[in-house]
Amino acid sequence: MKKLLSLVLCLSVLCVTGLSADAKKAKKDQQEQTQVKDAQFYYNEGIRYETHNNKEGSIDMYAKAVELEPDFDAARAKKAQLSYFYGRYEEAVADFEYLKNRPGYGVGAFYDDRIDSKIKLGLYSEALDDMYEVILAFCGQVKVYDQMKQIVSEHPELAYKLNPKSHPELNAKYKENAKIMRDYARTFKDPRNGINEPELYDFFMDIAIALNPESLNTEWDGTVEVGAKIIRRGPSGHDEVTEADIEQK
């Protein structure tokens, strides 16, 4: 009799446990069915997929978020970066280009990956235009200029892209940066610091003049406006960055 009671008790416990597990599963299924699968849901799923190292699956989740909410910039940015990482360059370029015109992003956001994606796709002309705009937006970038020259050396038919006059629309867009660009150019021909890099001086000064022909005729006070950055090739061949609100002595 004791054995029979023990068996009945065990079966009762198993039944209760089984019912409890079934109840939990049913509750979970109900929650999933009632959960709103909006853009935020898929964005969160994308992050969860990334956490579990399912990067390509996360791209699909971010894509669904953007499909539901096209101006979900955070989802688009993650999708763009992962697309670039996995060699899905066409998708990456499309998203990077979209973000160029979005608040909080702009031409400087992910520009290395954006430009490299265009190069990987063989879009060398578009990549050079993009590089030139980066130079205008940052008011001077030696590293980007060197990259432009590298492409032109491999594709000499695009040498005209190094001429600022070949970018009239971009020059008009960034006209207000003429003075900063002019002062940046003059840092490469500065006898006070013993600097004389005529190639860089000519290139950036030509840009300043293209932005505003009056740039060459104005006095230089030895400073540039706060917010720009002076980027000069250092002694070791690497770029040195100096905050622009420091007076150029």
Foldseek 3Di string as FASTA:
>chain_A
DVVVVVVVVVVVVVVVVVVVVVVVVVVVVVCVVPDDCALVNLQVVLVVCVVVVNNVVSLVSLVRSCVRPVPPLVSLVSNLVSCLVVLVLVSNLVSLVVQLPDPPAHLPHPVVSNLVSCVVVVVLLVSLLSLVLVCLVLLHDVVSVVVNVVSCVVVVVNVCSLQLVVPLVSLQVSLVCLQQLLLLLCVQVDVVVPHHDPVSSVSSNSSSCSSPVCNVVDDDPQAHDFPHWRWDQDPVRRIDIDGRVDGRD
